[in-house]
Protein backbone atom coordinates (compact mmCIF):
# COMPACT_ATOMS: atom_id res chain seq x y z
CA MET A 1 -8.02 -11.18 3.48
CA VAL A 2 -8.36 -7.80 5.16
CA ASP A 3 -5.22 -6.92 7.12
CA ALA A 4 -6.49 -3.74 8.79
CA THR A 5 -8.63 -0.68 8.35
CA ALA A 6 -7.17 2.65 7.31
CA LEU A 7 -8.59 6.09 7.99
CA ILE A 8 -8.83 8.55 5.10
CA VAL A 9 -7.31 11.76 6.48
CA ALA A 10 -7.45 13.91 3.33
CA LYS A 11 -8.92 13.95 -0.17
CA VAL A 12 -7.45 16.61 -2.43
CA ALA A 13 -8.30 17.37 -6.06
CA GLU A 14 -5.33 16.59 -8.30
CA GLY A 15 -5.51 17.06 -12.05
CA GLN A 16 -8.72 15.39 -13.19
CA GLY A 17 -8.77 13.05 -10.18
CA HIS A 18 -8.06 13.05 -6.48
CA ARG A 19 -5.33 12.08 -4.07
CA LEU A 20 -6.26 10.23 -0.90
CA SER A 21 -4.02 10.40 2.14
CA LEU A 22 -4.54 7.55 4.60
CA ASP A 23 -3.24 6.63 8.03
CA LEU A 24 -1.01 3.57 7.90
CA PRO A 25 -1.06 1.11 10.80
CA ALA A 26 2.47 0.77 12.19
CA ALA A 27 2.41 -3.03 11.90
CA LEU A 28 1.98 -2.74 8.11
CA GLU A 29 4.43 0.09 7.37
CA ARG A 30 7.16 -2.20 6.04
CA PHE A 31 4.79 -3.65 3.43
CA ILE A 32 3.69 -0.34 1.87
CA VAL A 33 6.11 1.24 -0.60
CA GLU A 34 5.82 3.85 -3.31
CA LYS A 35 4.81 2.26 -6.64
CA GLY A 36 3.76 -0.87 -4.75
CA TYR A 37 0.20 -2.11 -4.52
CA VAL A 38 -2.53 -2.24 -1.91
CA ALA A 39 -6.18 -3.15 -2.03
CA LEU A 40 -8.59 -0.69 -0.46
CA ASP A 41 -12.15 -1.95 -0.08
CA GLY A 42 -11.23 -4.71 -2.53
CA VAL A 43 -9.91 -2.35 -5.22
CA SER A 44 -6.27 -2.89 -6.24
CA LEU A 45 -4.48 0.46 -6.35
CA THR A 46 -0.94 1.76 -6.79
CA VAL A 47 0.68 3.56 -3.86
CA ALA A 48 1.55 7.10 -5.00
CA ALA A 49 3.61 7.98 -1.91
CA ALA A 50 4.53 6.31 1.37
CA GLY A 51 5.95 7.71 4.56
CA GLU A 52 5.99 7.13 8.26
CA GLY A 53 2.44 6.57 9.40
CA ARG A 54 0.82 7.62 6.10
CA PHE A 55 0.44 6.64 2.48
CA GLU A 56 -1.25 8.19 -0.55
CA ILE A 57 -3.26 6.88 -3.45
CA ALA A 58 -3.85 8.86 -6.67
CA LEU A 59 -7.34 8.22 -8.03
CA ILE A 60 -8.15 8.67 -11.69
CA PRO A 61 -11.71 9.76 -12.55
CA GLU A 62 -12.69 6.30 -13.82
CA THR A 63 -11.78 4.71 -10.48
CA SER A 64 -13.77 7.32 -8.57
CA LEU A 65 -16.80 6.73 -10.82
CA ARG A 66 -16.78 2.94 -10.68
CA THR A 67 -15.96 2.47 -6.97
CA THR A 68 -17.08 3.92 -3.65
CA PHE A 69 -14.03 6.23 -3.62
CA GLY A 70 -16.00 8.90 -5.46
CA CYS A 71 -18.10 9.49 -2.34
CA LYS A 72 -15.58 8.62 0.37
CA GLY A 73 -13.55 11.29 2.10
CA PRO A 74 -11.82 12.36 5.30
CA GLY A 75 -13.04 10.46 8.33
CA ASP A 76 -14.10 7.37 6.37
CA LEU A 77 -12.54 3.99 7.08
CA VAL A 78 -11.52 1.59 4.31
CA ASN A 79 -10.46 -2.04 4.45
CA LEU A 80 -6.75 -2.41 3.73
CA GLU A 81 -5.05 -5.45 2.24
CA ILE A 82 -1.32 -5.44 1.64
CA ASP A 83 0.22 -6.75 -1.55
CA PRO A 84 0.75 -10.53 -1.20
CA VAL A 85 3.99 -10.25 -3.21
CA ALA A 86 5.36 -7.77 -0.64
CA ARG A 87 4.37 -10.15 2.15
CA TYR A 88 6.08 -13.04 0.35
CA ALA A 89 9.25 -11.08 -0.46
CA LEU A 90 9.70 -9.86 3.11
CA GLY A 91 8.94 -13.30 4.51
CA ALA A 92 11.41 -14.95 2.14
CA ALA A 93 14.07 -12.35 2.93
CA ALA A 94 13.62 -12.94 6.65
CA SER A 95 13.86 -16.72 6.33
CA TYR A 96 16.94 -16.57 4.11
CA SER A 97 18.71 -14.06 6.32
CA ARG A 98 18.30 -16.05 9.55
CA GLY A 99 21.63 -17.74 10.10
CA SER A 100 22.48 -17.53 6.42
CA ASP A 101 25.58 -16.30 4.62
CA VAL A 102 23.44 -14.84 1.84
CA SER A 103 24.23 -11.15 1.27
CA SER A 104 21.50 -8.59 0.71
CA ASP A 105 22.79 -8.13 -2.87
CA GLU A 106 22.42 -11.86 -3.54
CA LEU A 107 18.96 -11.88 -2.02
CA ALA A 108 17.85 -8.85 -4.03
CA TRP A 109 19.14 -10.47 -7.20
CA ALA A 110 17.39 -13.76 -6.40
CA TYR A 111 14.03 -12.04 -5.92
CA GLU A 112 14.64 -9.23 -8.43
CA ILE A 113 13.82 -6.56 -5.87
């Protein structure tokens, strides 16, 4: 399920690959974390960096060759899907914290986050 589109704002050579910098829709910011996962155009990728309004993906040469990311660059839109585990963890945390005496330490331990 596509959650949003994200605009590629930069593509910079890095080592043998590239680093993409993308705009991050405000409604999805809480779901995107460094070392977490996203799917862009259906490709599952690791988030290399995350900040307010932006996130970055490091592309290895193999990924660029076997996907459309080899020819995509600044100005292109990609479909963005957030990690379902992140969605679940935040949803579970919210439901447990509403009117509950569960501490954040107990919740983190329960979900190993």
